[in-house]
Amino acid sequence: MGHLFEVCTGSLQSVEAAVRGGAQRIELCAALSLDGLTPSMGMLHTVRSLFPTLTVHVLIRPREGDFVYSEKEVLAMQHDIHAMLPFADGFVCGTLTPDGGIDMPIMRQLIDAAEGRPVTFHRAFDRCRDPFEALEQIISLGCRRILSSGLQPTAEQGIPLLRQLCRQAGGRIIIMPGGGINEHNVRLIADQTGVAEIHGSASGGKGTTQSETVRKILGLLEKL
C-alpha cells in the first residue's frame, strides 16, 4: 500500500524544505510553537504562487488554547476560510464543546464554508472525552480525515488507540497519525496501525522542516 507523508509547515522556509525533500502535500500553519495558528493570506498566496502543483491544506485556528470557540471566533474562522478558498486545496480545523464533545453545529458551519474542499479534523480530537463516539460524529459530518496522536503525547505512544480507531473507521475516514513522528519511528507507527497517511514537521528538533528528514521519511515509507 502506498503511504503519503503530509508535512506540517509553519514558515516559508519550511515549505521550501518540504518541497525540496519531495513532499506532495503540506499543512500550512503559523506559530507552530503554539501548536499552530491560521497562517496569513500573504503566506498562503505566496506558497500557492511559488508551488502551484503542491497540495496545500490550511490550518484554521484563530488563537492558542482550547478548542471551545465563541460566536465571534467562529465568524472569524468562516471569514478566513472564505478568503482562502481560491488558494487552498483543503482545510484543517476542530471544535469541541466545554465537556469534551465534538461541537457539531460549529463544525457544520466550517465545513459548509469550505464549499466541498476536504476538511481534516485536527488534534482537538486528542482532547475529546470519548474517541469512539467522536469518530462516528466526525464521520457523519463528512470530514475526510482525523489527525490524532491517539490521545497520547506522541503518536508512537498512541499506537494502540490509533489501531482501534482505524479498525472502527473501516475505510470510512482516514486516520492520520501525528505528533512526535520522525525517521526513527515512522515505520513502526505505519506498520502497527495500518494507516496510509502520516503527518509530521520533519524538523528533527531544529524548529523548521529539514529537507533531508522529509526525504528519509518518504524513503522509509516507500519500503513498506
C-alpha atoms as a PDB file:
ATOM      1  CA  MET A   1       0.000   0.000   0.000  1.00  0.00           C
ATOM      2  CA  GLY A   2       1.282   3.489  -0.808  1.00  0.00           C
ATOM      3  CA  HIS A   3       1.812   5.944   2.011  1.00  0.00           C
ATOM      4  CA  LEU A   4       1.551   9.733   1.984  1.00  0.00           C
ATOM      5  CA  PHE A   5       3.594  11.953   4.281  1.00  0.00           C
ATOM      6  CA  GLU A   6       1.941  15.321   4.958  1.00  0.00           C
ATOM      7  CA  VAL A   7       4.472  17.878   6.166  1.00  0.00           C
ATOM      8  CA  CYS A   8       3.368  20.401   8.768  1.00  0.00           C
ATOM      9  CA  THR A   9       4.968  23.742   7.873  1.00  0.00           C
ATOM     10  CA  GLY A  10       4.999  26.946   9.884  1.00  0.00           C
ATOM     11  CA  SER A  11       7.091  29.192   7.645  1.00  0.00           C
ATOM     12  CA  LEU A  12       8.019  29.749   4.028  1.00  0.00           C
ATOM     13  CA  GLN A  13      11.438  28.280   4.816  1.00  0.00           C
ATOM     14  CA  SER A  14       9.769  25.068   5.975  1.00  0.00           C
ATOM     15  CA  VAL A  15       7.542  24.902   2.899  1.00  0.00           C
ATOM     16  CA  GLU A  16      10.578  25.226   0.631  1.00  0.00           C
ATOM     17  CA  ALA A  17      12.397  22.499   2.573  1.00  0.00           C
ATOM     18  CA  ALA A  18       9.363  20.207   2.401  1.00  0.00           C
ATOM     19  CA  VAL A  19       9.187  20.602  -1.379  1.00  0.00           C
ATOM     20  CA  ARG A  20      12.937  20.008  -1.780  1.00  0.00           C
ATOM     21  CA  GLY A  21      12.528  16.833   0.246  1.00  0.00           C
ATOM     22  CA  GLY A  22       9.816  15.562  -2.081  1.00  0.00           C
ATOM     23  CA  ALA A  23       6.625  16.392  -0.152  1.00  0.00           C
ATOM     24  CA  GLN A  24       3.449  16.355  -2.195  1.00  0.00           C
ATOM     25  CA  ARG A  25       1.144  17.771   0.475  1.00  0.00           C
ATOM     26  CA  ILE A  26       1.631  20.223   3.330  1.00  0.00           C
ATOM     27  CA  GLU A  27      -0.397  21.606   6.168  1.00  0.00           C
ATOM     28  CA  LEU A  28       0.247  25.345   6.184  1.00  0.00           C
ATOM     29  CA  CYS A  29       0.226  26.994   9.613  1.00  0.00           C
ATOM     30  CA  ALA A  30       1.707  29.858  11.565  1.00  0.00           C
ATOM     31  CA  ALA A  31       3.173  29.807  15.084  1.00  0.00           C
ATOM     32  CA  LEU A  32       3.988  26.123  15.452  1.00  0.00           C
ATOM     33  CA  SER A  33       5.439  26.966  18.877  1.00  0.00           C
ATOM     34  CA  LEU A  34       1.781  27.500  19.875  1.00  0.00           C
ATOM     35  CA  ASP A  35       0.752  24.212  18.197  1.00  0.00           C
ATOM     36  CA  GLY A  36      -0.215  26.101  15.063  1.00  0.00           C
ATOM     37  CA  LEU A  37      -2.469  29.034  14.164  1.00  0.00           C
ATOM     38  CA  THR A  38      -4.123  30.236  10.954  1.00  0.00           C
ATOM     39  CA  PRO A  39      -1.454  31.457   8.504  1.00  0.00           C
ATOM     40  CA  SER A  40      -1.680  34.840   6.843  1.00  0.00           C
ATOM     41  CA  MET A  41      -3.255  35.338   3.450  1.00  0.00           C
ATOM     42  CA  GLY A  42       0.078  36.688   2.268  1.00  0.00           C
ATOM     43  CA  MET A  43       1.814  33.448   3.231  1.00  0.00           C
ATOM     44  CA  LEU A  44      -0.811  31.283   1.545  1.00  0.00           C
ATOM     45  CA  HIS A  45      -0.799  33.380  -1.618  1.00  0.00           C
ATOM     46  CA  THR A  46       2.997  33.241  -1.797  1.00  0.00           C
ATOM     47  CA  VAL A  47       3.107  29.462  -1.298  1.00  0.00           C
ATOM     48  CA  ARG A  48       0.483  28.941  -3.992  1.00  0.00           C
ATOM     49  CA  SER A  49       2.353  31.232  -6.390  1.00  0.00           C
ATOM     50  CA  LEU A  50       5.704  29.515  -5.794  1.00  0.00           C
ATOM     51  CA  PHE A  51       4.401  25.954  -5.801  1.00  0.00           C
ATOM     52  CA  PRO A  52       1.262  25.778  -7.952  1.00  0.00           C
ATOM     53  CA  THR A  53       1.129  21.952  -8.008  1.00  0.00           C
ATOM     54  CA  LEU A  54       1.702  21.449  -4.272  1.00  0.00           C
ATOM     55  CA  THR A  55      -1.367  20.285  -2.333  1.00  0.00           C
ATOM     56  CA  VAL A  56      -1.924  22.827   0.445  1.00  0.00           C
ATOM     57  CA  HIS A  57      -4.209  22.201   3.408  1.00  0.00           C
ATOM     58  CA  VAL A  58      -4.630  25.290   5.576  1.00  0.00           C
ATOM     59  CA  LEU A  59      -4.996  25.256   9.347  1.00  0.00           C
ATOM     60  CA  ILE A  60      -7.918  27.320  10.641  1.00  0.00           C
ATOM     61  CA  ARG A  61      -7.258  28.074  14.312  1.00  0.00           C
ATOM     62  CA  PRO A  62      -7.723  31.687  15.420  1.00  0.00           C
ATOM     63  CA  ARG A  63      -5.878  31.513  18.750  1.00  0.00           C
ATOM     64  CA  GLU A  64      -3.891  29.288  21.067  1.00  0.00           C
ATOM     65  CA  GLY A  65      -5.515  27.446  23.958  1.00  0.00           C
ATOM     66  CA  ASP A  66      -8.617  25.286  23.946  1.00  0.00           C
ATOM     67  CA  PHE A  67     -10.927  24.468  21.061  1.00  0.00           C
ATOM     68  CA  VAL A  68     -14.124  25.912  22.518  1.00  0.00           C
ATOM     69  CA  TYR A  69     -14.956  28.933  20.375  1.00  0.00           C
ATOM     70  CA  SER A  70     -17.263  31.901  20.762  1.00  0.00           C
ATOM     71  CA  GLU A  71     -19.734  33.002  18.105  1.00  0.00           C
ATOM     72  CA  LYS A  72     -17.415  35.843  17.070  1.00  0.00           C
ATOM     73  CA  GLU A  73     -14.420  33.491  16.798  1.00  0.00           C
ATOM     74  CA  VAL A  74     -16.454  31.173  14.595  1.00  0.00           C
ATOM     75  CA  LEU A  75     -17.354  34.104  12.369  1.00  0.00           C
ATOM     76  CA  ALA A  76     -13.653  34.965  12.053  1.00  0.00           C
ATOM     77  CA  MET A  77     -12.865  31.344  11.125  1.00  0.00           C
ATOM     78  CA  GLN A  78     -15.574  31.368   8.456  1.00  0.00           C
ATOM     79  CA  HIS A  79     -14.186  34.609   7.023  1.00  0.00           C
ATOM     80  CA  ASP A  80     -10.692  33.078   6.908  1.00  0.00           C
ATOM     81  CA  ILE A  81     -11.958  30.031   5.039  1.00  0.00           C
ATOM     82  CA  HIS A  82     -13.907  32.131   2.518  1.00  0.00           C
ATOM     83  CA  ALA A  83     -10.879  34.355   1.876  1.00  0.00           C
ATOM     84  CA  MET A  84      -8.550  31.376   1.421  1.00  0.00           C
ATOM     85  CA  LEU A  85     -10.814  29.268  -0.803  1.00  0.00           C
ATOM     86  CA  PRO A  86      -9.168  30.369  -4.079  1.00  0.00           C
ATOM     87  CA  PHE A  87      -5.737  29.240  -2.867  1.00  0.00           C
ATOM     88  CA  ALA A  88      -6.363  26.240  -0.580  1.00  0.00           C
ATOM     89  CA  ASP A  89      -6.884  22.593  -1.517  1.00  0.00           C
ATOM     90  CA  GLY A  90      -8.335  21.738   1.887  1.00  0.00           C
ATOM     91  CA  PHE A  91      -8.780  22.941   5.443  1.00  0.00           C
ATOM     92  CA  VAL A  92      -7.817  21.684   8.882  1.00  0.00           C
ATOM     93  CA  CYS A  93      -9.957  22.606  11.882  1.00  0.00           C
ATOM     94  CA  GLY A  94     -11.585  21.227  15.008  1.00  0.00           C
ATOM     95  CA  THR A  95     -14.074  22.430  17.604  1.00  0.00           C
ATOM     96  CA  LEU A  96     -15.147  20.984  20.952  1.00  0.00           C
ATOM     97  CA  THR A  97     -17.894  21.596  23.472  1.00  0.00           C
ATOM     98  CA  PRO A  98     -16.915  22.581  27.030  1.00  0.00           C
ATOM     99  CA  ASP A  99     -17.458  18.978  28.204  1.00  0.00           C
ATOM    100  CA  GLY A 100     -15.141  17.496  25.562  1.00  0.00           C
ATOM    101  CA  GLY A 101     -17.648  16.551  22.874  1.00  0.00           C
ATOM    102  CA  ILE A 102     -17.452  17.431  19.183  1.00  0.00           C
ATOM    103  CA  ASP A 103     -19.206  20.751  18.585  1.00  0.00           C
ATOM    104  CA  MET A 104     -21.318  19.536  15.704  1.00  0.00           C
ATOM    105  CA  PRO A 105     -23.134  22.812  14.825  1.00  0.00           C
ATOM    106  CA  ILE A 106     -19.890  24.793  14.606  1.00  0.00           C
ATOM    107  CA  MET A 107     -18.145  22.083  12.609  1.00  0.00           C
ATOM    108  CA  ARG A 108     -21.039  22.051  10.151  1.00  0.00           C
ATOM    109  CA  GLN A 109     -20.681  25.819   9.692  1.00  0.00           C
ATOM    110  CA  LEU A 110     -16.960  25.497   8.967  1.00  0.00           C
ATOM    111  CA  ILE A 111     -17.456  22.554   6.624  1.00  0.00           C
ATOM    112  CA  ASP A 112     -20.149  24.499   4.757  1.00  0.00           C
ATOM    113  CA  ALA A 113     -17.758  27.438   4.453  1.00  0.00           C
ATOM    114  CA  ALA A 114     -15.173  25.132   2.862  1.00  0.00           C
ATOM    115  CA  GLU A 115     -17.553  24.591  -0.088  1.00  0.00           C
ATOM    116  CA  GLY A 116     -16.625  20.971  -0.730  1.00  0.00           C
ATOM    117  CA  ARG A 117     -12.899  21.228  -0.051  1.00  0.00           C
ATOM    118  CA  PRO A 118     -11.734  18.277   2.095  1.00  0.00           C
ATOM    119  CA  VAL A 119     -11.705  19.008   5.813  1.00  0.00           C
ATOM    120  CA  THR A 120      -9.361  17.370   8.316  1.00  0.00           C
ATOM    121  CA  PHE A 121     -10.412  17.315  11.969  1.00  0.00           C
ATOM    122  CA  HIS A 122      -7.181  18.199  13.763  1.00  0.00           C
ATOM    123  CA  ARG A 123      -5.705  17.214  17.113  1.00  0.00           C
ATOM    124  CA  ALA A 124      -8.531  18.787  19.057  1.00  0.00           C
ATOM    125  CA  PHE A 125      -9.640  15.172  18.690  1.00  0.00           C
ATOM    126  CA  ASP A 126      -6.994  14.214  21.255  1.00  0.00           C
ATOM    127  CA  ARG A 127      -8.853  16.232  23.900  1.00  0.00           C
ATOM    128  CA  CYS A 128     -12.260  14.644  23.339  1.00  0.00           C
ATOM    129  CA  ARG A 129     -13.914  12.683  26.131  1.00  0.00           C
ATOM    130  CA  ASP A 130     -14.844   9.623  24.063  1.00  0.00           C
ATOM    131  CA  PRO A 131     -12.749   8.992  20.938  1.00  0.00           C
ATOM    132  CA  PHE A 132     -15.010   6.239  19.598  1.00  0.00           C
ATOM    133  CA  GLU A 133     -18.141   8.377  19.794  1.00  0.00           C
ATOM    134  CA  ALA A 134     -16.209  11.353  18.387  1.00  0.00           C
ATOM    135  CA  LEU A 135     -15.029   9.238  15.460  1.00  0.00           C
ATOM    136  CA  GLU A 136     -18.592   8.421  14.452  1.00  0.00           C
ATOM    137  CA  GLN A 137     -19.661  12.048  14.800  1.00  0.00           C
ATOM    138  CA  ILE A 138     -16.775  13.287  12.645  1.00  0.00           C
ATOM    139  CA  ILE A 139     -17.569  10.671  10.009  1.00  0.00           C
ATOM    140  CA  SER A 140     -21.198  11.830   9.985  1.00  0.00           C
ATOM    141  CA  LEU A 141     -20.019  15.400   9.376  1.00  0.00           C
ATOM    142  CA  GLY A 142     -18.269  14.324   6.196  1.00  0.00           C
ATOM    143  CA  CYS A 143     -14.709  15.135   7.254  1.00  0.00           C
ATOM    144  CA  ARG A 144     -12.083  13.456   5.091  1.00  0.00           C
ATOM    145  CA  ARG A 145      -9.588  12.589   7.837  1.00  0.00           C
ATOM    146  CA  ILE A 146      -8.730  12.838  11.527  1.00  0.00           C
ATOM    147  CA  LEU A 147      -5.289  13.942  12.703  1.00  0.00           C
ATOM    148  CA  SER A 148      -4.518  12.278  16.030  1.00  0.00           C
ATOM    149  CA  SER A 149      -1.793  11.062  18.352  1.00  0.00           C
ATOM    150  CA  GLY A 150      -4.171   8.516  19.825  1.00  0.00           C
ATOM    151  CA  LEU A 151      -4.922  10.777  22.833  1.00  0.00           C
ATOM    152  CA  GLN A 152      -1.282  10.467  23.925  1.00  0.00           C
ATOM    153  CA  PRO A 153       1.594  12.984  23.867  1.00  0.00           C
ATOM    154  CA  THR A 154       3.027  11.255  20.773  1.00  0.00           C
ATOM    155  CA  ALA A 155       1.628   9.044  18.037  1.00  0.00           C
ATOM    156  CA  GLU A 156       4.075   6.310  18.953  1.00  0.00           C
ATOM    157  CA  GLN A 157       2.591   6.176  22.451  1.00  0.00           C
ATOM    158  CA  GLY A 158      -0.878   6.289  20.918  1.00  0.00           C
ATOM    159  CA  ILE A 159      -0.417   3.296  18.604  1.00  0.00           C
ATOM    160  CA  PRO A 160      -2.928   1.031  20.433  1.00  0.00           C
ATOM    161  CA  LEU A 161      -5.788   3.546  20.171  1.00  0.00           C
ATOM    162  CA  LEU A 162      -4.845   4.571  16.633  1.00  0.00           C
ATOM    163  CA  ARG A 163      -5.078   0.918  15.637  1.00  0.00           C
ATOM    164  CA  GLN A 164      -8.527   0.668  17.236  1.00  0.00           C
ATOM    165  CA  LEU A 165      -9.692   3.846  15.510  1.00  0.00           C
ATOM    166  CA  CYS A 166      -8.535   2.544  12.122  1.00  0.00           C
ATOM    167  CA  ARG A 167     -10.404  -0.700  12.725  1.00  0.00           C
ATOM    168  CA  GLN A 168     -13.591   1.123  13.728  1.00  0.00           C
ATOM    169  CA  ALA A 169     -13.306   3.584  10.823  1.00  0.00           C
ATOM    170  CA  GLY A 170     -13.274   0.688   8.359  1.00  0.00           C
ATOM    171  CA  GLY A 171     -12.216   2.901   5.472  1.00  0.00           C
ATOM    172  CA  ARG A 172     -14.971   5.459   6.044  1.00  0.00           C
ATOM    173  CA  ILE A 173     -12.441   8.131   7.060  1.00  0.00           C
ATOM    174  CA  ILE A 174      -8.655   8.429   7.043  1.00  0.00           C
ATOM    175  CA  ILE A 175      -6.920   8.192  10.420  1.00  0.00           C
ATOM    176  CA  MET A 176      -3.681  10.176  10.110  1.00  0.00           C
ATOM    177  CA  PRO A 177      -1.191   9.815  12.988  1.00  0.00           C
ATOM    178  CA  GLY A 178       0.656  12.962  14.012  1.00  0.00           C
ATOM    179  CA  GLY A 179       2.765  14.002  16.990  1.00  0.00           C
ATOM    180  CA  GLY A 180       6.434  13.223  17.545  1.00  0.00           C
ATOM    181  CA  ILE A 181       6.833  11.385  14.245  1.00  0.00           C
ATOM    182  CA  ASN A 182      10.359  11.126  12.884  1.00  0.00           C
ATOM    183  CA  GLU A 183      12.577   8.909  10.758  1.00  0.00           C
ATOM    184  CA  HIS A 184      13.176   6.606  13.726  1.00  0.00           C
ATOM    185  CA  ASN A 185       9.561   5.689  14.454  1.00  0.00           C
ATOM    186  CA  VAL A 186       7.590   6.339  11.268  1.00  0.00           C
ATOM    187  CA  ARG A 187       7.827   2.754  10.004  1.00  0.00           C
ATOM    188  CA  LEU A 188       6.817   1.351  13.376  1.00  0.00           C
ATOM    189  CA  ILE A 189       3.773   3.622  13.518  1.00  0.00           C
ATOM    190  CA  ALA A 190       2.723   2.824   9.953  1.00  0.00           C
ATOM    191  CA  ASP A 191       3.282  -0.923  10.477  1.00  0.00           C
ATOM    192  CA  GLN A 192       1.461  -1.123  13.798  1.00  0.00           C
ATOM    193  CA  THR A 193      -1.557   1.000  12.846  1.00  0.00           C
ATOM    194  CA  GLY A 194      -2.065   0.155   9.181  1.00  0.00           C
ATOM    195  CA  VAL A 195      -2.560   3.812   8.227  1.00  0.00           C
ATOM    196  CA  ALA A 196      -1.975   5.174   4.734  1.00  0.00           C
ATOM    197  CA  GLU A 197      -1.174   8.786   5.707  1.00  0.00           C
ATOM    198  CA  ILE A 198       1.287  10.204   8.252  1.00  0.00           C
ATOM    199  CA  HIS A 199       1.722  13.800   9.471  1.00  0.00           C
ATOM    200  CA  GLY A 200       4.824  15.485  10.866  1.00  0.00           C
ATOM    201  CA  SER A 201       7.009  18.576  10.730  1.00  0.00           C
ATOM    202  CA  ALA A 202      10.233  16.692   9.855  1.00  0.00           C
ATOM    203  CA  SER A 203      12.117  19.312  11.837  1.00  0.00           C
ATOM    204  CA  GLY A 204      14.427  16.976  13.744  1.00  0.00           C
ATOM    205  CA  GLY A 205      14.214  19.277  16.748  1.00  0.00           C
ATOM    206  CA  LYS A 206      15.609  22.217  14.746  1.00  0.00           C
ATOM    207  CA  GLY A 207      12.399  24.253  14.658  1.00  0.00           C
ATOM    208  CA  THR A 208      11.960  24.210  10.883  1.00  0.00           C
ATOM    209  CA  THR A 209      11.376  21.432   8.388  1.00  0.00           C
ATOM    210  CA  GLN A 210      14.556  19.733   7.179  1.00  0.00           C
ATOM    211  CA  SER A 211      14.510  18.584   3.559  1.00  0.00           C
ATOM    212  CA  GLU A 212      16.779  15.625   4.290  1.00  0.00           C
ATOM    213  CA  THR A 213      14.440  14.427   7.051  1.00  0.00           C
ATOM    214  CA  VAL A 214      11.463  14.632   4.681  1.00  0.00           C
ATOM    215  CA  ARG A 215      13.450  12.636   2.130  1.00  0.00           C
ATOM    216  CA  LYS A 216      14.370   9.980   4.706  1.00  0.00           C
ATOM    217  CA  ILE A 217      10.805   9.565   5.924  1.00  0.00           C
ATOM    218  CA  LEU A 218       9.449   9.286   2.384  1.00  0.00           C
ATOM    219  CA  GLY A 219      12.123   6.722   1.574  1.00  0.00           C
ATOM    220  CA  LEU A 220      11.216   4.644   4.615  1.00  0.00           C
ATOM    221  CA  LEU A 221       7.514   4.736   3.778  1.00  0.00           C
ATOM    222  CA  GLU A 222       8.208   3.665   0.208  1.00  0.00           C
ATOM    223  CA  LYS A 223       9.709   0.408   1.546  1.00  0.00           C
ATOM    224  CA  LEU A 224       6.516  -0.606   3.350  1.00  0.00           C
END
